[in-house]
Amino acid sequence: MTSSSDRTAHLAVYDTFADWETGHTTAHLAQNGYTVRTVGLTREPVTTMGGLRIQPDLALDELRPQDSSLLILTGASGWDAGDTLAPFARAARDFLDSGVPVAAICGATAGLAREGLLDGRAHTSAVSFYLAATGYAGGSRYVEADAVTDGGLITAGPTEPVAFAREVFALLGVYGPEKLDAWYRLFHDSDASAYEVLQGE
């Protein structure tokens, strides 16, 4: 029997949240039976980079790995301006230690680097020197790729929301290999022939 935690993904939200980075991920998770719940530092509303106002479903101190199938972290200016968002990186450590996956894109990768979570895992980001500036010890594990999955952790740069979503779907088993390939070809490559594969049973 599938528990609710197996079908719940948590999306971290904070001021200057980069709207475009998780749209594919959350939309297609929701279309495939997942509940996406938003998590803020508190339950106070936040404003995204695109000017949208989001009311978090729960505060970070209410979030437990056992209630989730995935924690998603996006970019935001706060990752490179002080320690405001560091609690989310610590939450990511709790998730990974509990065997629950984490997906981080753009500036969130720097937050995880500072937390030491990329030191022993293959990973990517916007560019290698962006992460190197954090002083982390994982530079030798950096991969020049659109998105990387290793040890339950997905990483991607800010220009790769589609590749990021593909890694999430693969890790969670949202689509089988053929449909996953078709999904990527449709949304990344605008390959119209992939639509028929996606619509097939």
N, C-alpha and C. Protein backbone atom coordinates (compact mmCIF):
# COMPACT_ATOMS: atom_id res chain seq x y z
N MET A 1 0.85 -1.20 0.00
CA MET A 1 0.00 0.00 0.00
C MET A 1 0.88 1.25 0.00
N THR A 2 0.54 2.22 -0.83
CA THR A 2 1.31 3.45 -0.93
C THR A 2 0.87 4.44 0.13
N SER A 3 1.81 4.96 0.90
CA SER A 3 1.48 5.95 1.91
C SER A 3 1.45 7.33 1.28
N SER A 4 0.82 8.28 1.99
CA SER A 4 0.73 9.64 1.45
C SER A 4 2.11 10.26 1.28
N SER A 5 3.07 9.87 2.13
CA SER A 5 4.41 10.44 2.03
C SER A 5 5.08 10.03 0.73
N ASP A 6 4.68 8.85 0.17
CA ASP A 6 5.26 8.39 -1.08
C ASP A 6 4.78 9.21 -2.27
N ARG A 7 3.73 9.99 -2.08
CA ARG A 7 3.15 10.77 -3.17
C ARG A 7 3.10 12.26 -2.83
N THR A 8 3.94 12.69 -1.90
CA THR A 8 4.01 14.10 -1.52
C THR A 8 5.42 14.62 -1.76
N ALA A 9 5.51 15.69 -2.54
CA ALA A 9 6.79 16.37 -2.76
C ALA A 9 6.72 17.73 -2.09
N HIS A 10 7.80 18.14 -1.46
CA HIS A 10 7.84 19.44 -0.79
C HIS A 10 8.73 20.41 -1.57
N LEU A 11 8.18 21.56 -1.85
CA LEU A 11 8.85 22.61 -2.60
C LEU A 11 9.17 23.77 -1.65
N ALA A 12 10.45 24.03 -1.47
CA ALA A 12 10.86 25.15 -0.61
C ALA A 12 10.58 26.47 -1.32
N VAL A 13 9.99 27.42 -0.60
CA VAL A 13 9.70 28.74 -1.17
C VAL A 13 10.23 29.82 -0.24
N TYR A 14 10.74 30.86 -0.85
CA TYR A 14 11.34 31.97 -0.10
C TYR A 14 11.37 33.18 -1.01
N ASP A 15 11.62 34.34 -0.44
CA ASP A 15 11.68 35.56 -1.25
C ASP A 15 12.73 35.41 -2.35
N THR A 16 12.40 35.90 -3.54
CA THR A 16 13.18 35.82 -4.78
C THR A 16 13.32 34.39 -5.30
N PHE A 17 12.44 33.49 -4.85
CA PHE A 17 12.33 32.14 -5.41
C PHE A 17 12.31 32.25 -6.94
N ALA A 18 13.14 31.47 -7.62
CA ALA A 18 13.25 31.53 -9.08
C ALA A 18 12.12 30.73 -9.72
N ASP A 19 11.07 31.42 -10.10
CA ASP A 19 9.82 30.80 -10.57
C ASP A 19 10.01 29.74 -11.66
N TRP A 20 10.85 30.05 -12.64
CA TRP A 20 10.94 29.23 -13.85
C TRP A 20 11.64 27.89 -13.64
N GLU A 21 12.30 27.72 -12.53
CA GLU A 21 13.18 26.56 -12.38
C GLU A 21 12.47 25.26 -12.02
N THR A 22 11.27 25.34 -11.49
CA THR A 22 10.59 24.10 -11.08
C THR A 22 9.21 23.93 -11.69
N GLY A 23 8.83 24.77 -12.64
CA GLY A 23 7.50 24.68 -13.22
C GLY A 23 7.20 23.34 -13.86
N HIS A 24 8.14 22.84 -14.67
CA HIS A 24 7.95 21.53 -15.29
C HIS A 24 7.86 20.44 -14.23
N THR A 25 8.74 20.52 -13.25
CA THR A 25 8.80 19.48 -12.22
C THR A 25 7.49 19.39 -11.45
N THR A 26 7.05 20.50 -10.89
CA THR A 26 5.86 20.45 -10.04
C THR A 26 4.59 20.19 -10.85
N ALA A 27 4.49 20.77 -12.04
CA ALA A 27 3.28 20.57 -12.86
C ALA A 27 3.09 19.10 -13.21
N HIS A 28 4.17 18.45 -13.62
CA HIS A 28 4.03 17.07 -14.07
C HIS A 28 3.99 16.08 -12.90
N LEU A 29 4.55 16.46 -11.76
CA LEU A 29 4.33 15.64 -10.57
C LEU A 29 2.85 15.68 -10.20
N ALA A 30 2.28 16.89 -10.20
CA ALA A 30 0.87 17.03 -9.83
C ALA A 30 -0.04 16.28 -10.81
N GLN A 31 0.31 16.29 -12.08
CA GLN A 31 -0.49 15.60 -13.08
C GLN A 31 -0.37 14.08 -12.97
N ASN A 32 0.62 13.63 -12.23
CA ASN A 32 0.85 12.19 -12.09
C ASN A 32 0.62 11.69 -10.66
N GLY A 33 -0.30 12.36 -9.97
CA GLY A 33 -0.76 11.85 -8.69
C GLY A 33 -0.01 12.30 -7.46
N TYR A 34 0.94 13.21 -7.61
CA TYR A 34 1.65 13.73 -6.45
C TYR A 34 0.96 14.97 -5.90
N THR A 35 1.08 15.17 -4.61
CA THR A 35 0.68 16.41 -3.98
C THR A 35 1.95 17.22 -3.76
N VAL A 36 1.96 18.46 -4.21
CA VAL A 36 3.10 19.34 -4.00
C VAL A 36 2.75 20.33 -2.91
N ARG A 37 3.50 20.30 -1.82
CA ARG A 37 3.27 21.21 -0.70
C ARG A 37 4.44 22.17 -0.59
N THR A 38 4.13 23.44 -0.35
CA THR A 38 5.17 24.45 -0.25
C THR A 38 5.61 24.63 1.21
N VAL A 39 6.91 24.88 1.37
CA VAL A 39 7.51 25.01 2.70
C VAL A 39 8.30 26.31 2.76
N GLY A 40 7.95 27.18 3.70
CA GLY A 40 8.69 28.42 3.90
C GLY A 40 9.48 28.37 5.19
N LEU A 41 10.33 29.35 5.40
CA LEU A 41 11.01 29.45 6.70
C LEU A 41 9.97 29.56 7.81
N THR A 42 8.89 30.30 7.49
CA THR A 42 7.72 30.41 8.36
C THR A 42 6.50 30.23 7.46
N ARG A 43 5.33 30.43 7.99
CA ARG A 43 4.12 30.36 7.16
C ARG A 43 3.76 31.74 6.57
N GLU A 44 4.61 32.71 6.78
CA GLU A 44 4.36 34.04 6.22
C GLU A 44 4.54 34.01 4.70
N PRO A 45 3.74 34.79 3.97
CA PRO A 45 3.85 34.79 2.50
C PRO A 45 5.24 35.24 2.03
N VAL A 46 5.63 34.71 0.88
CA VAL A 46 6.90 35.10 0.25
C VAL A 46 6.59 35.61 -1.15
N THR A 47 7.54 36.34 -1.73
CA THR A 47 7.36 36.88 -3.07
C THR A 47 8.45 36.33 -3.97
N THR A 48 8.05 35.71 -5.08
CA THR A 48 9.01 35.10 -5.99
C THR A 48 9.74 36.15 -6.81
N MET A 49 10.76 35.71 -7.54
CA MET A 49 11.50 36.61 -8.41
C MET A 49 10.59 37.22 -9.46
N GLY A 50 9.56 36.48 -9.85
CA GLY A 50 8.62 36.97 -10.85
C GLY A 50 7.50 37.83 -10.27
N GLY A 51 7.58 38.10 -8.96
CA GLY A 51 6.59 38.97 -8.33
C GLY A 51 5.33 38.27 -7.87
N LEU A 52 5.31 36.94 -7.88
CA LEU A 52 4.15 36.20 -7.41
C LEU A 52 4.21 36.01 -5.90
N ARG A 53 3.06 36.07 -5.27
CA ARG A 53 2.99 35.93 -3.82
C ARG A 53 2.55 34.50 -3.50
N ILE A 54 3.31 33.82 -2.65
CA ILE A 54 3.02 32.44 -2.28
C ILE A 54 2.83 32.34 -0.77
N GLN A 55 1.76 31.70 -0.37
CA GLN A 55 1.50 31.42 1.04
C GLN A 55 1.96 29.99 1.31
N PRO A 56 3.05 29.79 2.05
CA PRO A 56 3.54 28.43 2.31
C PRO A 56 2.50 27.57 3.02
N ASP A 57 2.49 26.29 2.66
CA ASP A 57 1.59 25.34 3.32
C ASP A 57 2.06 25.01 4.73
N LEU A 58 3.36 25.03 4.93
CA LEU A 58 3.90 24.75 6.26
C LEU A 58 5.23 25.44 6.44
N ALA A 59 5.64 25.56 7.69
CA ALA A 59 6.93 26.16 8.03
C ALA A 59 8.00 25.08 8.07
N LEU A 60 9.23 25.48 7.89
CA LEU A 60 10.33 24.53 7.81
C LEU A 60 10.44 23.66 9.06
N ASP A 61 10.16 24.23 10.22
CA ASP A 61 10.28 23.44 11.45
C ASP A 61 9.17 22.40 11.59
N GLU A 62 8.19 22.43 10.67
CA GLU A 62 7.13 21.42 10.65
C GLU A 62 7.43 20.29 9.66
N LEU A 63 8.46 20.46 8.86
CA LEU A 63 8.77 19.50 7.80
C LEU A 63 9.55 18.32 8.35
N ARG A 64 9.09 17.10 8.02
CA ARG A 64 9.79 15.89 8.43
C ARG A 64 10.05 15.02 7.20
N PRO A 65 11.28 14.51 7.07
CA PRO A 65 11.59 13.68 5.90
C PRO A 65 10.63 12.51 5.72
N GLN A 66 10.18 11.93 6.79
CA GLN A 66 9.31 10.75 6.69
C GLN A 66 7.94 11.08 6.10
N ASP A 67 7.62 12.36 6.01
CA ASP A 67 6.34 12.76 5.43
C ASP A 67 6.46 13.13 3.96
N SER A 68 7.60 12.85 3.36
CA SER A 68 7.88 13.35 2.02
C SER A 68 8.55 12.30 1.13
N SER A 69 8.40 12.50 -0.16
CA SER A 69 9.13 11.68 -1.12
C SER A 69 10.26 12.46 -1.77
N LEU A 70 10.27 13.80 -1.57
CA LEU A 70 11.27 14.64 -2.23
C LEU A 70 11.23 16.06 -1.66
N LEU A 71 12.41 16.66 -1.49
CA LEU A 71 12.52 18.08 -1.16
C LEU A 71 13.15 18.78 -2.35
N ILE A 72 12.47 19.83 -2.85
CA ILE A 72 12.94 20.58 -4.01
C ILE A 72 13.39 21.97 -3.56
N LEU A 73 14.62 22.34 -3.97
CA LEU A 73 15.19 23.64 -3.61
C LEU A 73 15.54 24.40 -4.89
N THR A 74 15.05 25.62 -5.01
CA THR A 74 15.36 26.44 -6.19
C THR A 74 16.36 27.53 -5.86
N GLY A 75 16.77 28.21 -6.90
CA GLY A 75 17.63 29.37 -6.73
C GLY A 75 16.88 30.54 -6.11
N ALA A 76 17.64 31.46 -5.55
CA ALA A 76 17.14 32.71 -4.97
C ALA A 76 18.35 33.53 -4.59
N SER A 77 18.21 34.84 -4.55
CA SER A 77 19.35 35.69 -4.20
C SER A 77 19.85 35.40 -2.79
N GLY A 78 18.96 34.90 -1.92
CA GLY A 78 19.34 34.63 -0.54
C GLY A 78 20.40 33.57 -0.36
N TRP A 79 20.58 32.69 -1.34
CA TRP A 79 21.62 31.67 -1.21
C TRP A 79 23.01 32.27 -1.21
N ASP A 80 23.17 33.44 -1.82
CA ASP A 80 24.49 34.08 -1.91
C ASP A 80 24.57 35.37 -1.12
N ALA A 81 23.62 35.57 -0.22
CA ALA A 81 23.59 36.81 0.58
C ALA A 81 23.33 36.47 2.04
N GLY A 82 24.34 36.00 2.72
CA GLY A 82 24.18 35.66 4.13
C GLY A 82 23.68 34.24 4.34
N ASP A 83 23.20 33.97 5.54
CA ASP A 83 22.82 32.61 5.93
C ASP A 83 21.31 32.42 6.06
N THR A 84 20.53 33.33 5.50
CA THR A 84 19.08 33.26 5.65
C THR A 84 18.51 31.91 5.22
N LEU A 85 19.02 31.38 4.12
CA LEU A 85 18.46 30.14 3.58
C LEU A 85 19.22 28.89 4.03
N ALA A 86 20.24 29.07 4.85
CA ALA A 86 21.02 27.92 5.33
C ALA A 86 20.16 26.85 6.02
N PRO A 87 19.07 27.22 6.72
CA PRO A 87 18.24 26.18 7.32
C PRO A 87 17.67 25.19 6.30
N PHE A 88 17.47 25.63 5.07
CA PHE A 88 16.98 24.70 4.04
C PHE A 88 18.07 23.71 3.65
N ALA A 89 19.32 24.16 3.65
CA ALA A 89 20.42 23.25 3.36
C ALA A 89 20.56 22.22 4.48
N ARG A 90 20.34 22.65 5.70
CA ARG A 90 20.38 21.70 6.82
C ARG A 90 19.22 20.70 6.72
N ALA A 91 18.07 21.18 6.27
CA ALA A 91 16.94 20.28 6.06
C ALA A 91 17.27 19.26 4.98
N ALA A 92 17.98 19.71 3.94
CA ALA A 92 18.39 18.79 2.88
C ALA A 92 19.29 17.69 3.44
N ARG A 93 20.17 18.05 4.36
CA ARG A 93 21.02 17.04 5.01
C ARG A 93 20.16 16.03 5.76
N ASP A 94 19.16 16.51 6.48
CA ASP A 94 18.27 15.60 7.22
C ASP A 94 17.55 14.65 6.26
N PHE A 95 17.09 15.19 5.13
CA PHE A 95 16.41 14.36 4.14
C PHE A 95 17.35 13.27 3.61
N LEU A 96 18.52 13.67 3.19
CA LEU A 96 19.45 12.71 2.61
C LEU A 96 19.89 11.67 3.64
N ASP A 97 20.11 12.11 4.87
CA ASP A 97 20.47 11.18 5.93
C ASP A 97 19.35 10.18 6.21
N SER A 98 18.11 10.60 5.92
CA SER A 98 16.95 9.74 6.14
C SER A 98 16.61 8.91 4.91
N GLY A 99 17.38 9.05 3.85
CA GLY A 99 17.13 8.29 2.64
C GLY A 99 16.06 8.87 1.75
N VAL A 100 15.72 10.15 1.95
CA VAL A 100 14.70 10.81 1.13
C VAL A 100 15.41 11.76 0.17
N PRO A 101 15.10 11.69 -1.13
CA PRO A 101 15.83 12.48 -2.12
C PRO A 101 15.66 13.99 -1.98
N VAL A 102 16.64 14.69 -2.53
CA VAL A 102 16.64 16.15 -2.59
C VAL A 102 16.99 16.55 -4.01
N ALA A 103 16.31 17.56 -4.54
CA ALA A 103 16.61 18.10 -5.87
C ALA A 103 16.89 19.59 -5.73
N ALA A 104 18.10 20.01 -6.15
CA ALA A 104 18.52 21.40 -5.99
C ALA A 104 18.97 21.96 -7.34
N ILE A 105 18.52 23.16 -7.63
CA ILE A 105 18.85 23.81 -8.89
C ILE A 105 19.36 25.22 -8.63
N CYS A 106 20.26 25.69 -9.49
CA CYS A 106 20.76 27.06 -9.45
C CYS A 106 21.45 27.37 -8.11
N GLY A 107 21.10 28.48 -7.48
CA GLY A 107 21.76 28.91 -6.26
C GLY A 107 21.64 27.94 -5.10
N ALA A 108 20.62 27.09 -5.13
CA ALA A 108 20.48 26.10 -4.05
C ALA A 108 21.66 25.15 -4.02
N THR A 109 22.29 24.94 -5.19
CA THR A 109 23.47 24.06 -5.21
C THR A 109 24.60 24.66 -4.38
N ALA A 110 24.72 25.98 -4.39
CA ALA A 110 25.75 26.63 -3.58
C ALA A 110 25.45 26.47 -2.10
N GLY A 111 24.17 26.55 -1.74
CA GLY A 111 23.80 26.32 -0.35
C GLY A 111 24.16 24.92 0.10
N LEU A 112 23.93 23.93 -0.77
CA LEU A 112 24.29 22.56 -0.42
C LEU A 112 25.80 22.37 -0.38
N ALA A 113 26.51 23.09 -1.25
CA ALA A 113 27.98 23.04 -1.22
C ALA A 113 28.50 23.54 0.12
N ARG A 114 27.95 24.65 0.60
CA ARG A 114 28.39 25.20 1.89
C ARG A 114 28.07 24.25 3.03
N GLU A 115 27.02 23.46 2.88
CA GLU A 115 26.62 22.50 3.91
C GLU A 115 27.45 21.22 3.83
N GLY A 116 28.30 21.10 2.80
CA GLY A 116 29.14 19.92 2.65
C GLY A 116 28.48 18.75 1.95
N LEU A 117 27.30 18.97 1.39
CA LEU A 117 26.54 17.86 0.81
C LEU A 117 27.02 17.48 -0.58
N LEU A 118 27.87 18.31 -1.20
CA LEU A 118 28.38 17.98 -2.53
C LEU A 118 29.81 17.46 -2.51
N ASP A 119 30.40 17.40 -1.34
CA ASP A 119 31.80 16.98 -1.24
C ASP A 119 32.01 15.55 -1.71
N GLY A 120 31.04 14.68 -1.46
CA GLY A 120 31.21 13.27 -1.79
C GLY A 120 30.28 12.76 -2.86
N ARG A 121 29.60 13.68 -3.57
CA ARG A 121 28.64 13.27 -4.60
C ARG A 121 28.95 13.96 -5.92
N ALA A 122 28.77 13.24 -7.02
CA ALA A 122 28.84 13.88 -8.32
C ALA A 122 27.72 14.92 -8.40
N HIS A 123 28.01 16.06 -9.01
CA HIS A 123 27.04 17.16 -9.01
C HIS A 123 27.36 18.14 -10.13
N THR A 124 26.42 19.05 -10.36
CA THR A 124 26.64 20.13 -11.30
C THR A 124 25.98 21.39 -10.76
N SER A 125 26.11 22.48 -11.51
CA SER A 125 25.53 23.76 -11.12
C SER A 125 25.57 24.67 -12.35
N ALA A 126 25.55 25.97 -12.13
CA ALA A 126 25.63 26.91 -13.26
C ALA A 126 26.99 26.78 -13.95
N VAL A 127 28.06 26.93 -13.17
CA VAL A 127 29.44 26.76 -13.63
C VAL A 127 30.27 26.31 -12.44
N SER A 128 31.37 25.66 -12.70
CA SER A 128 32.17 25.11 -11.61
C SER A 128 32.72 26.18 -10.68
N PHE A 129 33.12 27.33 -11.24
CA PHE A 129 33.74 28.34 -10.37
C PHE A 129 32.72 29.02 -9.45
N TYR A 130 31.44 28.91 -9.79
CA TYR A 130 30.40 29.43 -8.88
C TYR A 130 30.43 28.63 -7.58
N LEU A 131 30.49 27.31 -7.70
CA LEU A 131 30.56 26.49 -6.49
C LEU A 131 31.93 26.60 -5.82
N ALA A 132 32.99 26.73 -6.61
CA ALA A 132 34.33 26.83 -6.04
C ALA A 132 34.42 28.03 -5.11
N ALA A 133 33.67 29.09 -5.41
CA ALA A 133 33.70 30.30 -4.58
C ALA A 133 33.13 30.06 -3.18
N THR A 134 32.41 28.95 -2.99
CA THR A 134 31.88 28.65 -1.66
C THR A 134 32.97 28.09 -0.73
N GLY A 135 34.09 27.67 -1.33
CA GLY A 135 35.16 27.06 -0.53
C GLY A 135 34.92 25.59 -0.23
N TYR A 136 33.99 24.97 -0.94
CA TYR A 136 33.68 23.57 -0.65
C TYR A 136 34.80 22.64 -1.10
N ALA A 137 34.71 21.39 -0.66
CA ALA A 137 35.78 20.44 -0.95
C ALA A 137 35.40 19.45 -2.05
N GLY A 138 34.34 19.74 -2.80
CA GLY A 138 33.87 18.77 -3.78
C GLY A 138 34.18 19.09 -5.22
N GLY A 139 35.11 19.99 -5.46
CA GLY A 139 35.39 20.41 -6.82
C GLY A 139 35.73 19.28 -7.77
N SER A 140 36.38 18.25 -7.28
CA SER A 140 36.76 17.13 -8.15
C SER A 140 35.56 16.29 -8.57
N ARG A 141 34.44 16.49 -7.91
CA ARG A 141 33.23 15.72 -8.24
C ARG A 141 32.28 16.50 -9.15
N TYR A 142 32.71 17.70 -9.56
CA TYR A 142 31.86 18.51 -10.43
C TYR A 142 31.79 17.89 -11.82
N VAL A 143 30.58 17.85 -12.40
CA VAL A 143 30.36 17.27 -13.72
C VAL A 143 29.78 18.33 -14.65
N GLU A 144 30.36 18.44 -15.84
CA GLU A 144 29.80 19.36 -16.84
C GLU A 144 28.63 18.65 -17.52
N ALA A 145 27.45 18.84 -16.99
CA ALA A 145 26.25 18.19 -17.50
C ALA A 145 25.04 19.06 -17.20
N ASP A 146 23.94 18.82 -17.93
CA ASP A 146 22.73 19.60 -17.70
C ASP A 146 22.18 19.37 -16.31
N ALA A 147 22.19 18.11 -15.87
CA ALA A 147 21.70 17.75 -14.55
C ALA A 147 22.36 16.44 -14.15
N VAL A 148 22.54 16.25 -12.84
CA VAL A 148 23.25 15.08 -12.33
C VAL A 148 22.49 14.51 -11.14
N THR A 149 22.42 13.19 -11.06
CA THR A 149 21.85 12.52 -9.89
C THR A 149 22.90 11.61 -9.28
N ASP A 150 23.10 11.73 -7.98
CA ASP A 150 24.05 10.86 -7.28
C ASP A 150 23.66 10.79 -5.81
N GLY A 151 23.57 9.60 -5.29
CA GLY A 151 23.30 9.42 -3.87
C GLY A 151 22.01 10.06 -3.40
N GLY A 152 20.97 10.00 -4.24
CA GLY A 152 19.68 10.58 -3.85
C GLY A 152 19.61 12.09 -4.00
N LEU A 153 20.65 12.69 -4.58
CA LEU A 153 20.69 14.15 -4.74
C LEU A 153 20.76 14.51 -6.22
N ILE A 154 19.82 15.35 -6.65
CA ILE A 154 19.79 15.87 -8.02
C ILE A 154 20.27 17.31 -7.99
N THR A 155 21.14 17.65 -8.94
CA THR A 155 21.60 19.03 -9.07
C THR A 155 21.51 19.46 -10.53
N ALA A 156 21.30 20.76 -10.74
CA ALA A 156 21.21 21.31 -12.09
C ALA A 156 21.50 22.80 -12.04
N GLY A 157 21.85 23.36 -13.20
CA GLY A 157 22.05 24.80 -13.30
C GLY A 157 20.76 25.51 -13.66
N PRO A 158 20.75 26.84 -13.59
CA PRO A 158 19.53 27.62 -13.75
C PRO A 158 18.92 27.58 -15.14
N THR A 159 19.69 27.18 -16.15
CA THR A 159 19.17 27.16 -17.51
C THR A 159 18.63 25.78 -17.90
N GLU A 160 18.53 24.87 -16.94
CA GLU A 160 18.15 23.49 -17.26
C GLU A 160 16.93 22.98 -16.48
N PRO A 161 15.83 23.72 -16.46
CA PRO A 161 14.66 23.24 -15.72
C PRO A 161 14.07 21.95 -16.29
N VAL A 162 14.21 21.72 -17.60
CA VAL A 162 13.65 20.51 -18.20
C VAL A 162 14.51 19.29 -17.84
N ALA A 163 15.82 19.43 -17.93
CA ALA A 163 16.71 18.33 -17.53
C ALA A 163 16.56 18.04 -16.04
N PHE A 164 16.37 19.08 -15.25
CA PHE A 164 16.15 18.93 -13.82
C PHE A 164 14.90 18.09 -13.56
N ALA A 165 13.82 18.44 -14.26
CA ALA A 165 12.57 17.69 -14.10
C ALA A 165 12.75 16.24 -14.53
N ARG A 166 13.47 16.02 -15.62
CA ARG A 166 13.70 14.66 -16.09
C ARG A 166 14.37 13.81 -15.02
N GLU A 167 15.36 14.37 -14.34
CA GLU A 167 16.05 13.62 -13.28
C GLU A 167 15.10 13.30 -12.12
N VAL A 168 14.25 14.25 -11.79
CA VAL A 168 13.26 14.01 -10.73
C VAL A 168 12.33 12.87 -11.12
N PHE A 169 11.80 12.92 -12.33
CA PHE A 169 10.87 11.89 -12.78
C PHE A 169 11.53 10.52 -12.82
N ALA A 170 12.80 10.49 -13.22
CA ALA A 170 13.53 9.22 -13.27
C ALA A 170 13.74 8.66 -11.87
N LEU A 171 14.13 9.53 -10.96
CA LEU A 171 14.42 9.09 -9.59
C LEU A 171 13.17 8.58 -8.88
N LEU A 172 12.06 9.26 -9.10
CA LEU A 172 10.81 8.88 -8.43
C LEU A 172 10.02 7.81 -9.21
N GLY A 173 10.46 7.51 -10.43
CA GLY A 173 9.73 6.52 -11.22
C GLY A 173 8.41 7.02 -11.75
N VAL A 174 8.32 8.32 -11.98
CA VAL A 174 7.07 8.91 -12.48
C VAL A 174 6.73 8.39 -13.87
N TYR A 175 7.74 8.28 -14.73
CA TYR A 175 7.57 7.74 -16.07
C TYR A 175 8.53 6.57 -16.26
N GLY A 176 8.12 5.60 -17.07
CA GLY A 176 9.03 4.56 -17.49
C GLY A 176 10.03 5.12 -18.48
N PRO A 177 11.08 4.36 -18.82
CA PRO A 177 12.15 4.86 -19.69
C PRO A 177 11.66 5.43 -21.02
N GLU A 178 10.72 4.74 -21.69
CA GLU A 178 10.27 5.21 -23.01
C GLU A 178 9.51 6.52 -22.90
N LYS A 179 8.62 6.62 -21.94
CA LYS A 179 7.85 7.86 -21.77
C LYS A 179 8.74 8.99 -21.25
N LEU A 180 9.71 8.65 -20.41
CA LEU A 180 10.61 9.68 -19.91
C LEU A 180 11.41 10.28 -21.06
N ASP A 181 11.90 9.42 -21.95
CA ASP A 181 12.63 9.90 -23.12
C ASP A 181 11.74 10.77 -23.99
N ALA A 182 10.50 10.33 -24.18
CA ALA A 182 9.56 11.10 -24.99
C ALA A 182 9.23 12.45 -24.34
N TRP A 183 9.02 12.43 -23.03
CA TRP A 183 8.74 13.68 -22.32
C TRP A 183 9.87 14.69 -22.52
N TYR A 184 11.10 14.21 -22.40
CA TYR A 184 12.25 15.10 -22.55
C TYR A 184 12.35 15.62 -23.99
N ARG A 185 12.13 14.73 -24.94
CA ARG A 185 12.22 15.16 -26.34
C ARG A 185 11.14 16.19 -26.68
N LEU A 186 9.96 16.04 -26.07
CA LEU A 186 8.88 16.99 -26.33
C LEU A 186 9.17 18.35 -25.72
N PHE A 187 9.53 18.38 -24.45
CA PHE A 187 9.68 19.66 -23.75
C PHE A 187 11.05 20.31 -23.90
N HIS A 188 12.06 19.51 -24.21
CA HIS A 188 13.40 20.08 -24.38
C HIS A 188 13.72 20.33 -25.85
N ASP A 189 13.32 19.38 -26.69
CA ASP A 189 13.70 19.46 -28.10
C ASP A 189 12.56 19.86 -29.02
N SER A 190 11.35 20.05 -28.48
CA SER A 190 10.16 20.38 -29.27
C SER A 190 9.91 19.34 -30.37
N ASP A 191 10.16 18.08 -30.03
CA ASP A 191 9.95 16.97 -30.96
C ASP A 191 8.49 16.54 -30.88
N ALA A 192 7.69 16.95 -31.87
CA ALA A 192 6.26 16.68 -31.86
C ALA A 192 5.94 15.19 -31.90
N SER A 193 6.85 14.39 -32.46
CA SER A 193 6.59 12.95 -32.54
C SER A 193 6.56 12.30 -31.16
N ALA A 194 7.14 12.96 -30.18
CA ALA A 194 7.16 12.41 -28.82
C ALA A 194 5.79 12.47 -28.16
N TYR A 195 4.95 13.36 -28.63
CA TYR A 195 3.63 13.53 -28.00
C TYR A 195 2.81 12.25 -28.08
N GLU A 196 2.88 11.57 -29.23
CA GLU A 196 2.12 10.34 -29.39
C GLU A 196 2.57 9.26 -28.40
N VAL A 197 3.86 9.21 -28.14
CA VAL A 197 4.38 8.25 -27.16
C VAL A 197 3.84 8.56 -25.77
N LEU A 198 3.82 9.82 -25.42
CA LEU A 198 3.32 10.23 -24.11
C LEU A 198 1.85 9.92 -23.94
N GLN A 199 1.08 9.99 -25.01
CA GLN A 199 -0.35 9.77 -24.93
C GLN A 199 -0.71 8.29 -24.95
N GLY A 200 0.23 7.45 -25.35
CA GLY A 200 -0.04 6.02 -25.42
C GLY A 200 -0.13 5.37 -24.07
N GLU A 201 -0.84 4.28 -24.00
CA GLU A 201 -0.98 3.56 -22.73
C GLU A 201 0.19 2.61 -22.53
